[in-house]
Amino acid sequence: MTTFTERARLLADPYWQGSFEHPFVTGLQSGELAAENFRYYLLQDRYYLEHFSKLYDLIGQKTQDKEVKVLMAENSRNLAAGELFVRETFFDELQITQGEIDQTPVAQTAYHYVSHLYRQLLEGGVAVACAGMLPCPWLYQEIGEKMIHQGSPNPLYQRWIATYATAEGARHLQRERQIVDRLYEAADKKQQAQMLQAFYISSQLEYQFWEMALTLETWPTGAKTSSKEAISNGTS
């Protein structure tokens, strides 16, 4: 019998292959990715991971499934201890200040991705939310494993790659996949379809996240006033 993760991974494969071959990702390995693109990625990823951590906590609070509750608590702790710590270190090395963070608008793709994840929990429930959250750690683990042997000549990019190529991370991901597979088996037909769609859209947005960073994506606007200035003027 085909499991959820096997079915979902096959369905979303074009976007995963696109991620593996995306110039942002290959540029990390070759070391040729421009520093400004990596900097922009970190700034947008900070927003994304902040909400990703909140979503782990929200799913854990909402579920009655003890195994899922434990998994979400572990995911939240691991994120704080691992990825967020690494990014704080990168921010220090690249001298990314709080002022720069405050002055960098959240890009469309980052905003849309986070909104998509919240929507899965609100409209689909715990199982659908778990399915939507899964592509991020799974894809990054695969990218890390594919890139770690060749590595990158850029020490900063090499550290980024190494973050996602640990044996411990692979074991944890396997357990998470098994739990999501179990949730899928217990779901009804409608919820199963929602889980597949949530995973697929998240995979699309993972691909678009690389594109966002490579193009330094901004919101289309005809106005010359910045969003922060508009908000400030509107509330003054």
C-alpha atoms as a PDB file:
ATOM      1  CA  MET A   1       0.000   0.000   0.000  1.00  0.00           C
ATOM      2  CA  THR A   2       1.306   3.427  -0.946  1.00  0.00           C
ATOM      3  CA  THR A   3       1.815   5.688   2.047  1.00  0.00           C
ATOM      4  CA  PHE A   4       0.895   9.355   2.204  1.00  0.00           C
ATOM      5  CA  THR A   5       4.490  10.508   2.105  1.00  0.00           C
ATOM      6  CA  GLU A   6       5.267   8.325  -0.912  1.00  0.00           C
ATOM      7  CA  ARG A   7       2.195   9.579  -2.755  1.00  0.00           C
ATOM      8  CA  ALA A   8       2.698  13.219  -1.796  1.00  0.00           C
ATOM      9  CA  ARG A   9       6.398  13.192  -2.650  1.00  0.00           C
ATOM     10  CA  LEU A  10       5.681  11.765  -6.110  1.00  0.00           C
ATOM     11  CA  LEU A  11       2.920  14.296  -6.712  1.00  0.00           C
ATOM     12  CA  ALA A  12       5.154  17.226  -5.789  1.00  0.00           C
ATOM     13  CA  ASP A  13       8.313  15.852  -7.422  1.00  0.00           C
ATOM     14  CA  PRO A  14       8.530  18.485 -10.206  1.00  0.00           C
ATOM     15  CA  TYR A  15       8.871  21.204  -7.576  1.00  0.00           C
ATOM     16  CA  TRP A  16      11.396  19.204  -5.567  1.00  0.00           C
ATOM     17  CA  GLN A  17      13.513  18.605  -8.653  1.00  0.00           C
ATOM     18  CA  GLY A  18      13.150  22.294  -9.431  1.00  0.00           C
ATOM     19  CA  SER A  19      14.461  23.100  -5.955  1.00  0.00           C
ATOM     20  CA  PHE A  20      17.456  20.787  -6.354  1.00  0.00           C
ATOM     21  CA  GLU A  21      18.341  22.487  -9.644  1.00  0.00           C
ATOM     22  CA  HIS A  22      17.423  26.061  -8.728  1.00  0.00           C
ATOM     23  CA  PRO A  23      20.227  28.612  -9.277  1.00  0.00           C
ATOM     24  CA  PHE A  24      19.953  29.762  -5.666  1.00  0.00           C
ATOM     25  CA  VAL A  25      20.561  26.236  -4.363  1.00  0.00           C
ATOM     26  CA  THR A  26      23.260  25.347  -6.889  1.00  0.00           C
ATOM     27  CA  GLY A  27      24.850  28.721  -6.210  1.00  0.00           C
ATOM     28  CA  LEU A  28      25.164  27.820  -2.541  1.00  0.00           C
ATOM     29  CA  GLN A  29      27.117  24.716  -3.493  1.00  0.00           C
ATOM     30  CA  SER A  30      29.325  26.376  -6.086  1.00  0.00           C
ATOM     31  CA  GLY A  31      29.883  29.357  -3.826  1.00  0.00           C
ATOM     32  CA  GLU A  32      28.807  31.677  -6.640  1.00  0.00           C
ATOM     33  CA  LEU A  33      25.556  32.827  -5.047  1.00  0.00           C
ATOM     34  CA  ALA A  34      25.724  36.587  -4.523  1.00  0.00           C
ATOM     35  CA  ALA A  35      25.974  37.674  -0.900  1.00  0.00           C
ATOM     36  CA  GLU A  36      22.997  40.020  -1.282  1.00  0.00           C
ATOM     37  CA  ASN A  37      20.767  37.116  -2.318  1.00  0.00           C
ATOM     38  CA  PHE A  38      21.798  35.016   0.680  1.00  0.00           C
ATOM     39  CA  ARG A  39      21.305  38.027   2.926  1.00  0.00           C
ATOM     40  CA  TYR A  40      17.796  38.572   1.563  1.00  0.00           C
ATOM     41  CA  TYR A  41      17.007  34.878   1.998  1.00  0.00           C
ATOM     42  CA  LEU A  42      18.039  35.036   5.664  1.00  0.00           C
ATOM     43  CA  LEU A  43      15.899  38.097   6.293  1.00  0.00           C
ATOM     44  CA  GLN A  44      12.824  36.467   4.758  1.00  0.00           C
ATOM     45  CA  ASP A  45      13.544  33.096   6.347  1.00  0.00           C
ATOM     46  CA  ARG A  46      13.669  34.778   9.762  1.00  0.00           C
ATOM     47  CA  TYR A  47      10.021  35.797   9.330  1.00  0.00           C
ATOM     48  CA  TYR A  48       9.076  32.366   8.021  1.00  0.00           C
ATOM     49  CA  LEU A  49      10.789  30.422  10.817  1.00  0.00           C
ATOM     50  CA  GLU A  50       9.336  32.654  13.503  1.00  0.00           C
ATOM     51  CA  HIS A  51       5.860  31.631  12.382  1.00  0.00           C
ATOM     52  CA  PHE A  52       6.881  28.045  11.680  1.00  0.00           C
ATOM     53  CA  SER A  53       7.830  27.739  15.345  1.00  0.00           C
ATOM     54  CA  LYS A  54       4.511  29.282  16.416  1.00  0.00           C
ATOM     55  CA  LEU A  55       2.657  26.797  14.230  1.00  0.00           C
ATOM     56  CA  TYR A  56       4.386  23.861  15.892  1.00  0.00           C
ATOM     57  CA  ASP A  57       3.176  25.203  19.226  1.00  0.00           C
ATOM     58  CA  LEU A  58      -0.374  25.816  17.951  1.00  0.00           C
ATOM     59  CA  ILE A  59      -0.660  22.322  16.456  1.00  0.00           C
ATOM     60  CA  GLY A  60       0.608  20.852  19.708  1.00  0.00           C
ATOM     61  CA  GLN A  61      -2.004  22.771  21.680  1.00  0.00           C
ATOM     62  CA  LYS A  62      -4.847  21.774  19.372  1.00  0.00           C
ATOM     63  CA  THR A  63      -4.144  18.053  18.976  1.00  0.00           C
ATOM     64  CA  GLN A  64      -5.402  15.306  21.264  1.00  0.00           C
ATOM     65  CA  ASP A  65      -2.943  12.854  19.703  1.00  0.00           C
ATOM     66  CA  LYS A  66      -0.171  12.319  22.277  1.00  0.00           C
ATOM     67  CA  GLU A  67       2.403  11.287  19.680  1.00  0.00           C
ATOM     68  CA  VAL A  68       1.723  14.391  17.591  1.00  0.00           C
ATOM     69  CA  LYS A  69       1.827  16.587  20.695  1.00  0.00           C
ATOM     70  CA  VAL A  70       5.254  15.233  21.636  1.00  0.00           C
ATOM     71  CA  LEU A  71       6.498  15.595  18.050  1.00  0.00           C
ATOM     72  CA  MET A  72       5.395  19.222  17.815  1.00  0.00           C
ATOM     73  CA  ALA A  73       7.090  20.057  21.115  1.00  0.00           C
ATOM     74  CA  GLU A  74      10.304  18.406  19.906  1.00  0.00           C
ATOM     75  CA  ASN A  75      10.106  20.205  16.561  1.00  0.00           C
ATOM     76  CA  SER A  76       9.679  23.542  18.285  1.00  0.00           C
ATOM     77  CA  ARG A  77      12.669  22.939  20.582  1.00  0.00           C
ATOM     78  CA  ASN A  78      14.829  21.643  17.743  1.00  0.00           C
ATOM     79  CA  LEU A  79      14.002  24.674  15.624  1.00  0.00           C
ATOM     80  CA  ALA A  80      14.951  27.050  18.408  1.00  0.00           C
ATOM     81  CA  ALA A  81      18.174  25.184  19.187  1.00  0.00           C
ATOM     82  CA  GLY A  82      19.198  24.505  15.611  1.00  0.00           C
ATOM     83  CA  GLU A  83      18.034  26.604  12.704  1.00  0.00           C
ATOM     84  CA  LEU A  84      17.221  29.776  14.589  1.00  0.00           C
ATOM     85  CA  PHE A  85      20.553  29.656  16.438  1.00  0.00           C
ATOM     86  CA  VAL A  86      22.455  29.215  13.180  1.00  0.00           C
ATOM     87  CA  ARG A  87      20.640  32.133  11.608  1.00  0.00           C
ATOM     88  CA  GLU A  88      21.362  34.361  14.567  1.00  0.00           C
ATOM     89  CA  THR A  89      25.024  33.490  14.085  1.00  0.00           C
ATOM     90  CA  PHE A  90      24.775  34.312  10.378  1.00  0.00           C
ATOM     91  CA  PHE A  91      23.120  37.610  11.219  1.00  0.00           C
ATOM     92  CA  ASP A  92      26.028  38.502  13.511  1.00  0.00           C
ATOM     93  CA  GLU A  93      28.639  37.571  10.905  1.00  0.00           C
ATOM     94  CA  LEU A  94      26.859  39.473   8.145  1.00  0.00           C
ATOM     95  CA  GLN A  95      26.150  42.390  10.493  1.00  0.00           C
ATOM     96  CA  ILE A  96      22.416  42.255   9.857  1.00  0.00           C
ATOM     97  CA  THR A  97      21.002  44.683  12.390  1.00  0.00           C
ATOM     98  CA  GLN A  98      17.575  44.926  13.955  1.00  0.00           C
ATOM     99  CA  GLY A  99      17.141  48.131  12.012  1.00  0.00           C
ATOM    100  CA  GLU A 100      17.690  46.293   8.720  1.00  0.00           C
ATOM    101  CA  ILE A 101      15.228  43.601   9.812  1.00  0.00           C
ATOM    102  CA  ASP A 102      12.620  46.243  10.635  1.00  0.00           C
ATOM    103  CA  GLN A 103      13.143  48.061   7.333  1.00  0.00           C
ATOM    104  CA  THR A 104      12.949  44.939   5.146  1.00  0.00           C
ATOM    105  CA  PRO A 105       9.330  44.277   4.101  1.00  0.00           C
ATOM    106  CA  VAL A 106       8.119  40.703   4.169  1.00  0.00           C
ATOM    107  CA  ALA A 107       8.162  39.455   0.571  1.00  0.00           C
ATOM    108  CA  GLN A 108       5.030  38.158  -1.138  1.00  0.00           C
ATOM    109  CA  THR A 109       6.198  34.550  -1.193  1.00  0.00           C
ATOM    110  CA  ALA A 110       7.202  34.469   2.484  1.00  0.00           C
ATOM    111  CA  TYR A 111       3.909  36.091   3.450  1.00  0.00           C
ATOM    112  CA  HIS A 112       1.892  33.742   1.265  1.00  0.00           C
ATOM    113  CA  TYR A 113       3.700  30.632   2.529  1.00  0.00           C
ATOM    114  CA  VAL A 114       3.102  31.510   6.187  1.00  0.00           C
ATOM    115  CA  SER A 115      -0.536  32.377   5.484  1.00  0.00           C
ATOM    116  CA  HIS A 116      -0.976  29.048   3.680  1.00  0.00           C
ATOM    117  CA  LEU A 117       0.310  27.129   6.714  1.00  0.00           C
ATOM    118  CA  TYR A 118      -1.980  28.910   9.157  1.00  0.00           C
ATOM    119  CA  ARG A 119      -4.907  28.284   6.830  1.00  0.00           C
ATOM    120  CA  GLN A 120      -4.283  24.529   6.818  1.00  0.00           C
ATOM    121  CA  LEU A 121      -4.600  24.418  10.600  1.00  0.00           C
ATOM    122  CA  LEU A 122      -7.622  26.719  10.672  1.00  0.00           C
ATOM    123  CA  GLU A 123      -9.590  25.081   7.874  1.00  0.00           C
ATOM    124  CA  GLY A 124      -8.194  21.549   7.712  1.00  0.00           C
ATOM    125  CA  GLY A 125      -7.206  20.698  11.253  1.00  0.00           C
ATOM    126  CA  VAL A 126      -4.190  18.989  12.778  1.00  0.00           C
ATOM    127  CA  ALA A 127      -3.591  16.286  10.163  1.00  0.00           C
ATOM    128  CA  VAL A 128      -3.767  18.725   7.253  1.00  0.00           C
ATOM    129  CA  ALA A 129      -1.524  21.213   9.073  1.00  0.00           C
ATOM    130  CA  CYS A 130       1.071  18.499   9.703  1.00  0.00           C
ATOM    131  CA  ALA A 131       1.020  17.591   6.009  1.00  0.00           C
ATOM    132  CA  GLY A 132       1.559  21.219   5.055  1.00  0.00           C
ATOM    133  CA  MET A 133       4.477  21.607   7.463  1.00  0.00           C
ATOM    134  CA  LEU A 134       6.319  18.483   6.303  1.00  0.00           C
ATOM    135  CA  PRO A 135       7.879  19.625   2.981  1.00  0.00           C
ATOM    136  CA  CYS A 136      10.098  22.227   4.648  1.00  0.00           C
ATOM    137  CA  PRO A 137      12.187  19.927   6.894  1.00  0.00           C
ATOM    138  CA  TRP A 138      12.028  17.042   4.421  1.00  0.00           C
ATOM    139  CA  LEU A 139      13.172  19.032   1.382  1.00  0.00           C
ATOM    140  CA  TYR A 140      15.960  20.737   3.304  1.00  0.00           C
ATOM    141  CA  GLN A 141      17.168  17.385   4.604  1.00  0.00           C
ATOM    142  CA  GLU A 142      17.327  16.026   1.044  1.00  0.00           C
ATOM    143  CA  ILE A 143      19.155  19.137  -0.167  1.00  0.00           C
ATOM    144  CA  GLY A 144      21.669  18.854   2.658  1.00  0.00           C
ATOM    145  CA  GLU A 145      22.300  15.171   1.970  1.00  0.00           C
ATOM    146  CA  LYS A 146      22.768  15.800  -1.759  1.00  0.00           C
ATOM    147  CA  MET A 147      25.188  18.684  -1.229  1.00  0.00           C
ATOM    148  CA  ILE A 148      27.213  17.723   1.838  1.00  0.00           C
ATOM    149  CA  HIS A 149      29.731  15.438   0.120  1.00  0.00           C
ATOM    150  CA  GLN A 150      30.858  18.042  -2.406  1.00  0.00           C
ATOM    151  CA  GLY A 151      30.280  20.896  -0.003  1.00  0.00           C
ATOM    152  CA  SER A 152      30.798  24.557  -0.832  1.00  0.00           C
ATOM    153  CA  PRO A 153      33.985  26.640  -1.111  1.00  0.00           C
ATOM    154  CA  ASN A 154      32.172  29.425   0.739  1.00  0.00           C
ATOM    155  CA  PRO A 155      32.489  28.685   4.498  1.00  0.00           C
ATOM    156  CA  LEU A 156      29.183  30.392   5.278  1.00  0.00           C
ATOM    157  CA  TYR A 157      27.305  28.399   2.652  1.00  0.00           C
ATOM    158  CA  GLN A 158      29.051  25.217   3.782  1.00  0.00           C
ATOM    159  CA  ARG A 159      27.720  25.758   7.302  1.00  0.00           C
ATOM    160  CA  TRP A 160      24.229  26.238   5.884  1.00  0.00           C
ATOM    161  CA  ILE A 161      24.506  22.932   3.992  1.00  0.00           C
ATOM    162  CA  ALA A 162      25.857  21.066   7.024  1.00  0.00           C
ATOM    163  CA  THR A 163      22.878  22.187   9.102  1.00  0.00           C
ATOM    164  CA  TYR A 164      20.593  19.982   7.018  1.00  0.00           C
ATOM    165  CA  ALA A 165      22.744  16.875   6.622  1.00  0.00           C
ATOM    166  CA  THR A 166      22.829  15.386  10.112  1.00  0.00           C
ATOM    167  CA  ALA A 167      22.039  11.764  10.966  1.00  0.00           C
ATOM    168  CA  GLU A 168      19.948  12.921  13.907  1.00  0.00           C
ATOM    169  CA  GLY A 169      17.876  15.131  11.626  1.00  0.00           C
ATOM    170  CA  ALA A 170      17.324  12.230   9.214  1.00  0.00           C
ATOM    171  CA  ARG A 171      16.114   9.968  12.040  1.00  0.00           C
ATOM    172  CA  HIS A 172      13.749  12.618  13.352  1.00  0.00           C
ATOM    173  CA  LEU A 173      12.373  13.241   9.871  1.00  0.00           C
ATOM    174  CA  GLN A 174      11.711   9.541   9.358  1.00  0.00           C
ATOM    175  CA  ARG A 175       9.676   9.484  12.560  1.00  0.00           C
ATOM    176  CA  GLU A 176       7.742  12.566  11.478  1.00  0.00           C
ATOM    177  CA  ARG A 177       6.952  10.967   8.135  1.00  0.00           C
ATOM    178  CA  GLN A 178       5.643   7.852   9.872  1.00  0.00           C
ATOM    179  CA  ILE A 179       3.350   9.930  12.087  1.00  0.00           C
ATOM    180  CA  VAL A 180       1.949  11.882   9.137  1.00  0.00           C
ATOM    181  CA  ASP A 181       1.430   8.596   7.271  1.00  0.00           C
ATOM    182  CA  ARG A 182      -0.590   7.334  10.242  1.00  0.00           C
ATOM    183  CA  LEU A 183      -2.682  10.498  10.323  1.00  0.00           C
ATOM    184  CA  TYR A 184      -3.440  10.060   6.631  1.00  0.00           C
ATOM    185  CA  GLU A 185      -4.567   6.458   7.101  1.00  0.00           C
ATOM    186  CA  ALA A 186      -6.966   7.540   9.844  1.00  0.00           C
ATOM    187  CA  ALA A 187      -8.390  10.470   7.834  1.00  0.00           C
ATOM    188  CA  ASP A 188     -11.522  10.399   5.701  1.00  0.00           C
ATOM    189  CA  LYS A 189     -11.407  10.900   1.921  1.00  0.00           C
ATOM    190  CA  LYS A 190     -11.959  14.653   2.097  1.00  0.00           C
ATOM    191  CA  GLN A 191      -9.232  15.185   4.643  1.00  0.00           C
ATOM    192  CA  GLN A 192      -6.839  12.927   2.738  1.00  0.00           C
ATOM    193  CA  ALA A 193      -7.319  15.100  -0.326  1.00  0.00           C
ATOM    194  CA  GLN A 194      -6.697  18.204   1.797  1.00  0.00           C
ATOM    195  CA  MET A 195      -3.478  16.697   3.143  1.00  0.00           C
ATOM    196  CA  LEU A 196      -2.187  16.001  -0.358  1.00  0.00           C
ATOM    197  CA  GLN A 197      -3.089  19.500  -1.498  1.00  0.00           C
ATOM    198  CA  ALA A 198      -1.453  21.085   1.558  1.00  0.00           C
ATOM    199  CA  PHE A 199       1.785  19.178   0.916  1.00  0.00           C
ATOM    200  CA  TYR A 200       1.718  20.026  -2.788  1.00  0.00           C
ATOM    201  CA  ILE A 201       1.183  23.757  -2.270  1.00  0.00           C
ATOM    202  CA  SER A 202       3.911  23.884   0.380  1.00  0.00           C
ATOM    203  CA  SER A 203       6.270  22.201  -2.100  1.00  0.00           C
ATOM    204  CA  GLN A 204       5.398  24.828  -4.703  1.00  0.00           C
ATOM    205  CA  LEU A 205       6.105  27.569  -2.196  1.00  0.00           C
ATOM    206  CA  GLU A 206       9.433  26.019  -1.220  1.00  0.00           C
ATOM    207  CA  TYR A 207      10.480  26.329  -4.849  1.00  0.00           C
ATOM    208  CA  GLN A 208       9.157  29.889  -5.013  1.00  0.00           C
ATOM    209  CA  PHE A 209      11.095  30.779  -1.861  1.00  0.00           C
ATOM    210  CA  TRP A 210      14.380  30.206  -3.702  1.00  0.00           C
ATOM    211  CA  GLU A 211      13.087  32.293  -6.597  1.00  0.00           C
ATOM    212  CA  MET A 212      12.040  35.035  -4.187  1.00  0.00           C
ATOM    213  CA  ALA A 213      15.583  35.236  -2.798  1.00  0.00           C
ATOM    214  CA  LEU A 214      17.234  35.089  -6.221  1.00  0.00           C
ATOM    215  CA  THR A 215      15.114  37.926  -7.623  1.00  0.00           C
ATOM    216  CA  LEU A 216      15.023  39.955  -4.391  1.00  0.00           C
ATOM    217  CA  GLU A 217      11.254  39.846  -4.731  1.00  0.00           C
ATOM    218  CA  THR A 218       9.273  42.955  -3.828  1.00  0.00           C
ATOM    219  CA  TRP A 219       5.579  43.765  -3.823  1.00  0.00           C
ATOM    220  CA  PRO A 220       4.318  45.426  -7.019  1.00  0.00           C
ATOM    221  CA  THR A 221       3.221  48.961  -6.320  1.00  0.00           C
ATOM    222  CA  GLY A 222       2.730  52.261  -8.062  1.00  0.00           C
ATOM    223  CA  ALA A 223       3.064  54.207  -4.835  1.00  0.00           C
ATOM    224  CA  LYS A 224       6.326  55.837  -3.824  1.00  0.00           C
ATOM    225  CA  THR A 225       5.580  55.719  -0.103  1.00  0.00           C
ATOM    226  CA  SER A 226       6.948  52.646   1.662  1.00  0.00           C
ATOM    227  CA  SER A 227       4.568  50.266   3.419  1.00  0.00           C
ATOM    228  CA  LYS A 228       5.996  51.166   6.838  1.00  0.00           C
ATOM    229  CA  GLU A 229       5.565  54.880   6.131  1.00  0.00           C
ATOM    230  CA  ALA A 230       1.997  54.281   4.959  1.00  0.00           C
ATOM    231  CA  ILE A 231       1.151  52.339   8.101  1.00  0.00           C
ATOM    232  CA  SER A 232       2.731  54.984  10.276  1.00  0.00           C
ATOM    233  CA  ASN A 233       0.913  57.806   8.491  1.00  0.00           C
ATOM    234  CA  GLY A 234      -2.359  55.945   8.657  1.00  0.00           C
ATOM    235  CA  THR A 235      -2.189  55.450  12.395  1.00  0.00           C
ATOM    236  CA  SER A 236      -0.762  58.799  13.417  1.00  0.00           C
END
